[in-house]
Amino acid sequence: STYVMGWFRQAPGKEREFVAAIAWGGGSTYYADSVK
């Protein structure tokens, strides 16, 4: 099961940061400003 699937990324020496996410049922999407 899932409700939201997300993508994160982590570069060496940096914190893990949010990239994008999608609501599984409805398909609503969310993006970090850096990748929009």
PDB file of all heavy atoms in Angstrom:
ATOM      1  N   SER A   1       0.812  -1.201   0.000  1.00  0.00           N
ATOM      2  CA  SER A   1       0.000   0.000   0.000  1.00  0.00           C
ATOM      3  C   SER A   1       0.852   1.260   0.000  1.00  0.00           C
ATOM      4  O   SER A   1       2.028   1.243   0.377  1.00  0.00           O
ATOM      5  CB  SER A   1      -0.936   0.008   1.208  1.00  0.00           C
ATOM      6  OG  SER A   1      -0.201   0.037   2.417  1.00  0.00           O
ATOM      7  N   THR A   2       0.248   2.356  -0.432  1.00  0.00           N
ATOM      8  CA  THR A   2       0.893   3.663  -0.414  1.00  0.00           C
ATOM      9  C   THR A   2      -0.177   4.742  -0.457  1.00  0.00           C
ATOM     10  O   THR A   2      -1.271   4.524  -0.982  1.00  0.00           O
ATOM     11  CB  THR A   2       1.867   3.835  -1.587  1.00  0.00           C
ATOM     12  OG1 THR A   2       2.537   5.093  -1.470  1.00  0.00           O
ATOM     13  CG2 THR A   2       1.117   3.783  -2.912  1.00  0.00           C
ATOM     14  N   TYR A   3       0.153   5.902   0.094  1.00  0.00           N
ATOM     15  CA  TYR A   3      -0.700   7.067  -0.041  1.00  0.00           C
ATOM     16  C   TYR A   3       0.008   8.156  -0.835  1.00  0.00           C
ATOM     17  O   TYR A   3      -0.592   8.773  -1.718  1.00  0.00           O
ATOM     18  CB  TYR A   3      -1.137   7.610   1.318  1.00  0.00           C
ATOM     19  CG  TYR A   3      -2.357   8.484   1.218  1.00  0.00           C
ATOM     20  CD1 TYR A   3      -3.625   7.964   1.435  1.00  0.00           C
ATOM     21  CD2 TYR A   3      -2.236   9.826   0.880  1.00  0.00           C
ATOM     22  CE1 TYR A   3      -4.746   8.761   1.319  1.00  0.00           C
ATOM     23  CE2 TYR A   3      -3.359  10.632   0.760  1.00  0.00           C
ATOM     24  CZ  TYR A   3      -4.614  10.091   0.985  1.00  0.00           C
ATOM     25  OH  TYR A   3      -5.725  10.882   0.862  1.00  0.00           O
ATOM     26  N   VAL A   4       1.283   8.389  -0.504  1.00  0.00           N
ATOM     27  CA  VAL A   4       2.108   9.352  -1.217  1.00  0.00           C
ATOM     28  C   VAL A   4       3.451   8.715  -1.534  1.00  0.00           C
ATOM     29  O   VAL A   4       4.060   8.086  -0.667  1.00  0.00           O
ATOM     30  CB  VAL A   4       2.332  10.639  -0.399  1.00  0.00           C
ATOM     31  CG1 VAL A   4       3.270  11.586  -1.136  1.00  0.00           C
ATOM     32  CG2 VAL A   4       1.008  11.325  -0.106  1.00  0.00           C
ATOM     33  N   MET A   5       3.907   8.885  -2.759  1.00  0.00           N
ATOM     34  CA  MET A   5       5.244   8.477  -3.139  1.00  0.00           C
ATOM     35  C   MET A   5       6.077   9.727  -3.381  1.00  0.00           C
ATOM     36  O   MET A   5       5.627  10.659  -4.053  1.00  0.00           O
ATOM     37  CB  MET A   5       5.224   7.609  -4.390  1.00  0.00           C
ATOM     38  CG  MET A   5       4.520   6.273  -4.212  1.00  0.00           C
ATOM     39  SD  MET A   5       5.368   5.188  -3.014  1.00  0.00           S
ATOM     40  CE  MET A   5       6.945   4.942  -3.838  1.00  0.00           C
ATOM     41  N   GLY A   6       7.274   9.738  -2.831  1.00  0.00           N
ATOM     42  CA  GLY A   6       8.137  10.896  -2.945  1.00  0.00           C
ATOM     43  C   GLY A   6       9.516  10.548  -3.457  1.00  0.00           C
ATOM     44  O   GLY A   6       9.973   9.405  -3.361  1.00  0.00           O
ATOM     45  N   TRP A   7      10.162  11.550  -4.023  1.00  0.00           N
ATOM     46  CA  TRP A   7      11.562  11.466  -4.414  1.00  0.00           C
ATOM     47  C   TRP A   7      12.366  12.456  -3.586  1.00  0.00           C
ATOM     48  O   TRP A   7      11.981  13.625  -3.458  1.00  0.00           O
ATOM     49  CB  TRP A   7      11.756  11.783  -5.894  1.00  0.00           C
ATOM     50  CG  TRP A   7      11.329  10.698  -6.835  1.00  0.00           C
ATOM     51  CD1 TRP A   7      10.155  10.601  -7.504  1.00  0.00           C
ATOM     52  CD2 TRP A   7      12.110   9.559  -7.216  1.00  0.00           C
ATOM     53  NE1 TRP A   7      10.132   9.477  -8.283  1.00  0.00           N
ATOM     54  CE2 TRP A   7      11.325   8.813  -8.131  1.00  0.00           C
ATOM     55  CE3 TRP A   7      13.387   9.099  -6.888  1.00  0.00           C
ATOM     56  CZ2 TRP A   7      11.789   7.626  -8.707  1.00  0.00           C
ATOM     57  CZ3 TRP A   7      13.835   7.920  -7.451  1.00  0.00           C
ATOM     58  CH2 TRP A   7      13.038   7.207  -8.352  1.00  0.00           C
ATOM     59  N   PHE A   8      13.462  11.977  -3.039  1.00  0.00           N
ATOM     60  CA  PHE A   8      14.426  12.801  -2.327  1.00  0.00           C
ATOM     61  C   PHE A   8      15.794  12.583  -2.934  1.00  0.00           C
ATOM     62  O   PHE A   8      16.027  11.601  -3.636  1.00  0.00           O
ATOM     63  CB  PHE A   8      14.457  12.448  -0.836  1.00  0.00           C
ATOM     64  CG  PHE A   8      13.221  12.850  -0.083  1.00  0.00           C
ATOM     65  CD1 PHE A   8      12.047  12.121  -0.202  1.00  0.00           C
ATOM     66  CD2 PHE A   8      13.233  13.951   0.757  1.00  0.00           C
ATOM     67  CE1 PHE A   8      10.911  12.483   0.488  1.00  0.00           C
ATOM     68  CE2 PHE A   8      12.096  14.323   1.457  1.00  0.00           C
ATOM     69  CZ  PHE A   8      10.934  13.591   1.323  1.00  0.00           C
ATOM     70  N   ARG A   9      16.713  13.489  -2.658  1.00  0.00           N
ATOM     71  CA  ARG A   9      18.077  13.309  -3.117  1.00  0.00           C
ATOM     72  C   ARG A   9      19.044  13.767  -2.038  1.00  0.00           C
ATOM     73  O   ARG A   9      18.728  14.613  -1.212  1.00  0.00           O
ATOM     74  CB  ARG A   9      18.335  14.059  -4.425  1.00  0.00           C
ATOM     75  CG  ARG A   9      18.263  15.576  -4.312  1.00  0.00           C
ATOM     76  CD  ARG A   9      18.371  16.211  -5.688  1.00  0.00           C
ATOM     77  NE  ARG A   9      18.382  17.666  -5.624  1.00  0.00           N
ATOM     78  CZ  ARG A   9      18.365  18.454  -6.687  1.00  0.00           C
ATOM     79  NH1 ARG A   9      18.343  17.925  -7.912  1.00  0.00           N
ATOM     80  NH2 ARG A   9      18.379  19.772  -6.537  1.00  0.00           N
ATOM     81  N   GLN A  10      20.232  13.193  -2.081  1.00  0.00           N
ATOM     82  CA  GLN A  10      21.252  13.539  -1.108  1.00  0.00           C
ATOM     83  C   GLN A  10      22.613  13.548  -1.786  1.00  0.00           C
ATOM     84  O   GLN A  10      23.056  12.535  -2.329  1.00  0.00           O
ATOM     85  CB  GLN A  10      21.251  12.563   0.067  1.00  0.00           C
ATOM     86  CG  GLN A  10      22.172  12.976   1.194  1.00  0.00           C
ATOM     87  CD  GLN A  10      21.912  12.198   2.463  1.00  0.00           C
ATOM     88  OE1 GLN A  10      21.361  11.096   2.431  1.00  0.00           O
ATOM     89  NE2 GLN A  10      22.297  12.767   3.591  1.00  0.00           N
ATOM     90  N   ALA A  11      23.255  14.700  -1.754  1.00  0.00           N
ATOM     91  CA  ALA A  11      24.601  14.864  -2.268  1.00  0.00           C
ATOM     92  C   ALA A  11      25.595  14.728  -1.124  1.00  0.00           C
ATOM     93  O   ALA A  11      25.245  14.938   0.040  1.00  0.00           O
ATOM     94  CB  ALA A  11      24.757  16.224  -2.946  1.00  0.00           C
ATOM     95  N   PRO A  12      26.843  14.380  -1.418  1.00  0.00           N
ATOM     96  CA  PRO A  12      27.845  14.253  -0.357  1.00  0.00           C
ATOM     97  C   PRO A  12      27.964  15.522   0.468  1.00  0.00           C
ATOM     98  O   PRO A  12      28.072  16.623  -0.075  1.00  0.00           O
ATOM     99  CB  PRO A  12      29.135  13.970  -1.121  1.00  0.00           C
ATOM    100  CG  PRO A  12      28.679  13.330  -2.390  1.00  0.00           C
ATOM    101  CD  PRO A  12      27.380  14.025  -2.732  1.00  0.00           C
ATOM    102  N   GLY A  13      27.927  15.366   1.779  1.00  0.00           N
ATOM    103  CA  GLY A  13      28.063  16.493   2.673  1.00  0.00           C
ATOM    104  C   GLY A  13      26.820  17.334   2.841  1.00  0.00           C
ATOM    105  O   GLY A  13      26.872  18.356   3.532  1.00  0.00           O
ATOM    106  N   LYS A  14      25.717  16.953   2.234  1.00  0.00           N
ATOM    107  CA  LYS A  14      24.487  17.720   2.322  1.00  0.00           C
ATOM    108  C   LYS A  14      23.372  16.870   2.919  1.00  0.00           C
ATOM    109  O   LYS A  14      23.433  15.642   2.928  1.00  0.00           O
ATOM    110  CB  LYS A  14      24.062  18.235   0.945  1.00  0.00           C
ATOM    111  CG  LYS A  14      25.055  19.174   0.288  1.00  0.00           C
ATOM    112  CD  LYS A  14      24.534  19.696  -1.034  1.00  0.00           C
ATOM    113  CE  LYS A  14      23.337  20.610  -0.845  1.00  0.00           C
ATOM    114  NZ  LYS A  14      22.867  21.192  -2.135  1.00  0.00           N
ATOM    115  N   GLU A  15      22.357  17.553   3.418  1.00  0.00           N
ATOM    116  CA  GLU A  15      21.202  16.862   3.959  1.00  0.00           C
ATOM    117  C   GLU A  15      20.348  16.291   2.836  1.00  0.00           C
ATOM    118  O   GLU A  15      20.365  16.780   1.707  1.00  0.00           O
ATOM    119  CB  GLU A  15      20.353  17.820   4.806  1.00  0.00           C
ATOM    120  CG  GLU A  15      21.034  18.336   6.059  1.00  0.00           C
ATOM    121  CD  GLU A  15      20.128  19.228   6.870  1.00  0.00           C
ATOM    122  OE1 GLU A  15      19.104  19.707   6.334  1.00  0.00           O
ATOM    123  OE2 GLU A  15      20.427  19.442   8.055  1.00  0.00           O
ATOM    124  N   ARG A  16      19.605  15.260   3.186  1.00  0.00           N
ATOM    125  CA  ARG A  16      18.658  14.723   2.230  1.00  0.00           C
ATOM    126  C   ARG A  16      17.552  15.747   1.992  1.00  0.00           C
ATOM    127  O   ARG A  16      16.944  16.248   2.937  1.00  0.00           O
ATOM    128  CB  ARG A  16      18.077  13.409   2.754  1.00  0.00           C
ATOM    129  CG  ARG A  16      17.229  12.663   1.749  1.00  0.00           C
ATOM    130  CD  ARG A  16      16.923  11.247   2.218  1.00  0.00           C
ATOM    131  NE  ARG A  16      18.140  10.466   2.362  1.00  0.00           N
ATOM    132  CZ  ARG A  16      18.173   9.163   2.601  1.00  0.00           C
ATOM    133  NH1 ARG A  16      17.034   8.483   2.707  1.00  0.00           N
ATOM    134  NH2 ARG A  16      19.330   8.539   2.740  1.00  0.00           N
ATOM    135  N   GLU A  17      17.286  16.059   0.729  1.00  0.00           N
ATOM    136  CA  GLU A  17      16.332  17.106   0.412  1.00  0.00           C
ATOM    137  C   GLU A  17      15.195  16.594  -0.461  1.00  0.00           C
ATOM    138  O   GLU A  17      15.361  15.696  -1.287  1.00  0.00           O
ATOM    139  CB  GLU A  17      17.025  18.288  -0.283  1.00  0.00           C
ATOM    140  CG  GLU A  17      17.589  17.978  -1.656  1.00  0.00           C
ATOM    141  CD  GLU A  17      18.119  19.211  -2.364  1.00  0.00           C
ATOM    142  OE1 GLU A  17      17.893  20.329  -1.872  1.00  0.00           O
ATOM    143  OE2 GLU A  17      18.762  19.046  -3.423  1.00  0.00           O
ATOM    144  N   PHE A  18      14.061  17.216  -0.269  1.00  0.00           N
ATOM    145  CA  PHE A  18      12.870  16.879  -1.023  1.00  0.00           C
ATOM    146  C   PHE A  18      13.018  17.300  -2.474  1.00  0.00           C
ATOM    147  O   PHE A  18      13.529  18.375  -2.772  1.00  0.00           O
ATOM    148  CB  PHE A  18      11.661  17.572  -0.395  1.00  0.00           C
ATOM    149  CG  PHE A  18      10.411  17.474  -1.203  1.00  0.00           C
ATOM    150  CD1 PHE A  18       9.686  16.296  -1.246  1.00  0.00           C
ATOM    151  CD2 PHE A  18       9.945  18.563  -1.920  1.00  0.00           C
ATOM    152  CE1 PHE A  18       8.520  16.196  -1.990  1.00  0.00           C
ATOM    153  CE2 PHE A  18       8.782  18.485  -2.661  1.00  0.00           C
ATOM    154  CZ  PHE A  18       8.073  17.299  -2.694  1.00  0.00           C
ATOM    155  N   VAL A  19      12.543  16.450  -3.377  1.00  0.00           N
ATOM    156  CA  VAL A  19      12.566  16.747  -4.798  1.00  0.00           C
ATOM    157  C   VAL A  19      11.153  16.868  -5.358  1.00  0.00           C
ATOM    158  O   VAL A  19      10.786  17.884  -5.946  1.00  0.00           O
ATOM    159  CB  VAL A  19      13.348  15.679  -5.584  1.00  0.00           C
ATOM    160  CG1 VAL A  19      13.278  15.952  -7.084  1.00  0.00           C
ATOM    161  CG2 VAL A  19      14.794  15.624  -5.114  1.00  0.00           C
ATOM    162  N   ALA A  20      10.357  15.826  -5.192  1.00  0.00           N
ATOM    163  CA  ALA A  20       9.005  15.802  -5.736  1.00  0.00           C
ATOM    164  C   ALA A  20       8.197  14.730  -5.037  1.00  0.00           C
ATOM    165  O   ALA A  20       8.749  13.797  -4.456  1.00  0.00           O
ATOM    166  CB  ALA A  20       9.027  15.549  -7.250  1.00  0.00           C
ATOM    167  N   ALA A  21       6.882  14.854  -5.108  1.00  0.00           N
ATOM    168  CA  ALA A  21       5.995  13.856  -4.537  1.00  0.00           C
ATOM    169  C   ALA A  21       4.707  13.811  -5.334  1.00  0.00           C
ATOM    170  O   ALA A  21       4.340  14.781  -6.009  1.00  0.00           O
ATOM    171  CB  ALA A  21       5.703  14.155  -3.063  1.00  0.00           C
ATOM    172  N   ILE A  22       4.021  12.696  -5.232  1.00  0.00           N
ATOM    173  CA  ILE A  22       2.753  12.526  -5.923  1.00  0.00           C
ATOM    174  C   ILE A  22       1.793  11.754  -5.041  1.00  0.00           C
ATOM    175  O   ILE A  22       2.164  10.755  -4.423  1.00  0.00           O
ATOM    176  CB  ILE A  22       2.950  11.835  -7.292  1.00  0.00           C
ATOM    177  CG1 ILE A  22       1.644  11.804  -8.079  1.00  0.00           C
ATOM    178  CG2 ILE A  22       3.528  10.429  -7.129  1.00  0.00           C
ATOM    179  CD1 ILE A  22       1.837  11.456  -9.549  1.00  0.00           C
ATOM    180  N   ALA A  23       0.567  12.232  -4.953  1.00  0.00           N
ATOM    181  CA  ALA A  23      -0.487  11.504  -4.266  1.00  0.00           C
ATOM    182  C   ALA A  23      -0.923  10.344  -5.139  1.00  0.00           C
ATOM    183  O   ALA A  23      -1.265  10.538  -6.310  1.00  0.00           O
ATOM    184  CB  ALA A  23      -1.666  12.428  -3.964  1.00  0.00           C
ATOM    185  N   TRP A  24      -0.920   9.153  -4.572  1.00  0.00           N
ATOM    186  CA  TRP A  24      -1.133   7.971  -5.384  1.00  0.00           C
ATOM    187  C   TRP A  24      -2.519   7.909  -5.987  1.00  0.00           C
ATOM    188  O   TRP A  24      -2.686   7.587  -7.161  1.00  0.00           O
ATOM    189  CB  TRP A  24      -0.853   6.712  -4.563  1.00  0.00           C
ATOM    190  CG  TRP A  24      -0.640   5.518  -5.429  1.00  0.00           C
ATOM    191  CD1 TRP A  24      -1.482   4.468  -5.600  1.00  0.00           C
ATOM    192  CD2 TRP A  24       0.496   5.266  -6.253  1.00  0.00           C
ATOM    193  NE1 TRP A  24      -0.949   3.573  -6.483  1.00  0.00           N
ATOM    194  CE2 TRP A  24       0.281   4.032  -6.902  1.00  0.00           C
ATOM    195  CE3 TRP A  24       1.684   5.959  -6.498  1.00  0.00           C
ATOM    196  CZ2 TRP A  24       1.190   3.487  -7.787  1.00  0.00           C
ATOM    197  CZ3 TRP A  24       2.589   5.411  -7.385  1.00  0.00           C
ATOM    198  CH2 TRP A  24       2.343   4.191  -8.015  1.00  0.00           C
ATOM    199  N   GLY A  25      -3.519   8.217  -5.187  1.00  0.00           N
ATOM    200  CA  GLY A  25      -4.889   8.107  -5.664  1.00  0.00           C
ATOM    201  C   GLY A  25      -5.287   9.214  -6.615  1.00  0.00           C
ATOM    202  O   GLY A  25      -5.758   8.946  -7.726  1.00  0.00           O
ATOM    203  N   GLY A  26      -5.101  10.457  -6.191  1.00  0.00           N
ATOM    204  CA  GLY A  26      -5.571  11.582  -6.976  1.00  0.00           C
ATOM    205  C   GLY A  26      -4.581  12.117  -7.988  1.00  0.00           C
ATOM    206  O   GLY A  26      -4.973  12.807  -8.936  1.00  0.00           O
ATOM    207  N   GLY A  27      -3.288  11.849  -7.790  1.00  0.00           N
ATOM    208  CA  GLY A  27      -2.281  12.285  -8.732  1.00  0.00           C
ATOM    209  C   GLY A  27      -1.760  13.696  -8.530  1.00  0.00           C
ATOM    210  O   GLY A  27      -1.014  14.192  -9.385  1.00  0.00           O
ATOM    211  N   SER A  28      -2.121  14.361  -7.440  1.00  0.00           N
ATOM    212  CA  SER A  28      -1.590  15.695  -7.173  1.00  0.00           C
ATOM    213  C   SER A  28      -0.081  15.635  -7.022  1.00  0.00           C
ATOM    214  O   SER A  28       0.453  14.712  -6.397  1.00  0.00           O
ATOM    215  CB  SER A  28      -2.217  16.276  -5.911  1.00  0.00           C
ATOM    216  OG  SER A  28      -3.621  16.400  -6.054  1.00  0.00           O
ATOM    217  N   THR A  29       0.606  16.614  -7.574  1.00  0.00           N
ATOM    218  CA  THR A  29       2.065  16.628  -7.568  1.00  0.00           C
ATOM    219  C   THR A  29       2.602  17.822  -6.812  1.00  0.00           C
ATOM    220  O   THR A  29       1.961  18.866  -6.723  1.00  0.00           O
ATOM    221  CB  THR A  29       2.622  16.631  -8.996  1.00  0.00           C
ATOM    222  OG1 THR A  29       2.118  17.778  -9.700  1.00  0.00           O
ATOM    223  CG2 THR A  29       2.215  15.363  -9.736  1.00  0.00           C
ATOM    224  N   TYR A  30       3.814  17.665  -6.306  1.00  0.00           N
ATOM    225  CA  TYR A  30       4.487  18.685  -5.515  1.00  0.00           C
ATOM    226  C   TYR A  30       5.962  18.665  -5.893  1.00  0.00           C
ATOM    227  O   TYR A  30       6.548  17.597  -6.070  1.00  0.00           O
ATOM    228  CB  TYR A  30       4.320  18.413  -4.022  1.00  0.00           C
ATOM    229  CG  TYR A  30       2.886  18.141  -3.629  1.00  0.00           C
ATOM    230  CD1 TYR A  30       2.356  16.863  -3.710  1.00  0.00           C
ATOM    231  CD2 TYR A  30       2.053  19.171  -3.190  1.00  0.00           C
ATOM    232  CE1 TYR A  30       1.034  16.607  -3.377  1.00  0.00           C
ATOM    233  CE2 TYR A  30       0.735  18.921  -2.852  1.00  0.00           C
ATOM    234  CZ  TYR A  30       0.228  17.652  -2.944  1.00  0.00           C
ATOM    235  OH  TYR A  30      -1.081  17.403  -2.612  1.00  0.00           O
ATOM    236  N   TYR A  31       6.563  19.866  -5.999  1.00  0.00           N
ATOM    237  CA  TYR A  31       7.940  19.972  -6.437  1.00  0.00           C
ATOM    238  C   TYR A  31       8.722  20.941  -5.578  1.00  0.00           C
ATOM    239  O   TYR A  31       8.194  21.956  -5.113  1.00  0.00           O
ATOM    240  CB  TYR A  31       8.030  20.457  -7.883  1.00  0.00           C
ATOM    241  CG  TYR A  31       7.455  19.501  -8.895  1.00  0.00           C
ATOM    242  CD1 TYR A  31       6.147  19.634  -9.334  1.00  0.00           C
ATOM    243  CD2 TYR A  31       8.233  18.473  -9.414  1.00  0.00           C
ATOM    244  CE1 TYR A  31       5.620  18.758 -10.267  1.00  0.00           C
ATOM    245  CE2 TYR A  31       7.714  17.597 -10.346  1.00  0.00           C
ATOM    246  CZ  TYR A  31       6.408  17.742 -10.770  1.00  0.00           C
ATOM    247  OH  TYR A  31       5.888  16.873 -11.702  1.00  0.00           O
ATOM    248  N   ALA A  32       9.988  20.635  -5.395  1.00  0.00           N
ATOM    249  CA  ALA A  32      10.905  21.601  -4.815  1.00  0.00           C
ATOM    250  C   ALA A  32      11.150  22.726  -5.815  1.00  0.00           C
ATOM    251  O   ALA A  32      11.140  22.512  -7.031  1.00  0.00           O
ATOM    252  CB  ALA A  32      12.224  20.935  -4.445  1.00  0.00           C
ATOM    253  N   ASP A  33      11.373  23.933  -5.306  1.00  0.00           N
ATOM    254  CA  ASP A  33      11.594  25.074  -6.189  1.00  0.00           C
ATOM    255  C   ASP A  33      12.781  24.858  -7.124  1.00  0.00           C
ATOM    256  O   ASP A  33      12.773  25.325  -8.268  1.00  0.00           O
ATOM    257  CB  ASP A  33      11.823  26.344  -5.365  1.00  0.00           C
ATOM    258  CG  ASP A  33      10.567  26.833  -4.678  1.00  0.00           C
ATOM    259  OD1 ASP A  33       9.457  26.444  -5.096  1.00  0.00           O
ATOM    260  OD2 ASP A  33      10.689  27.621  -3.722  1.00  0.00           O
ATOM    261  N   SER A  34      13.784  24.146  -6.664  1.00  0.00           N
ATOM    262  CA  SER A  34      14.994  23.961  -7.440  1.00  0.00           C
ATOM    263  C   SER A  34      14.804  23.103  -8.686  1.00  0.00           C
ATOM    264  O   SER A  34      15.649  23.126  -9.583  1.00  0.00           O
ATOM    265  CB  SER A  34      16.093  23.353  -6.566  1.00  0.00           C
ATOM    266  OG  SER A  34      15.690  22.093  -6.052  1.00  0.00           O
ATOM    267  N   VAL A  35      13.707  22.351  -8.748  1.00  0.00           N
ATOM    268  CA  VAL A  35      13.496  21.454  -9.882  1.00  0.00           C
ATOM    269  C   VAL A  35      12.245  21.778 -10.678  1.00  0.00           C
ATOM    270  O   VAL A  35      11.996  21.130 -11.708  1.00  0.00           O
ATOM    271  CB  VAL A  35      13.454  19.982  -9.436  1.00  0.00           C
ATOM    272  CG1 VAL A  35      14.706  19.626  -8.647  1.00  0.00           C
ATOM    273  CG2 VAL A  35      12.198  19.698  -8.619  1.00  0.00           C
ATOM    274  N   LYS A  36      11.469  22.746 -10.250  1.00  0.00           N
ATOM    275  CA  LYS A  36      10.254  23.108 -10.970  1.00  0.00           C
ATOM    276  C   LYS A  36      10.574  23.512 -12.406  1.00  0.00           C
ATOM    277  O   LYS A  36      11.494  24.277 -12.658  1.00  0.00           O
ATOM    278  CB  LYS A  36       9.530  24.252 -10.263  1.00  0.00           C
ATOM    279  CG  LYS A  36       8.790  23.843  -9.010  1.00  0.00           C
ATOM    280  CD  LYS A  36       8.080  25.032  -8.376  1.00  0.00           C
ATOM    281  CE  LYS A  36       7.341  24.634  -7.124  1.00  0.00           C
ATOM    282  NZ  LYS A  36       6.694  25.794  -6.473  1.00  0.00           N
TER     283      LYS A  36
END
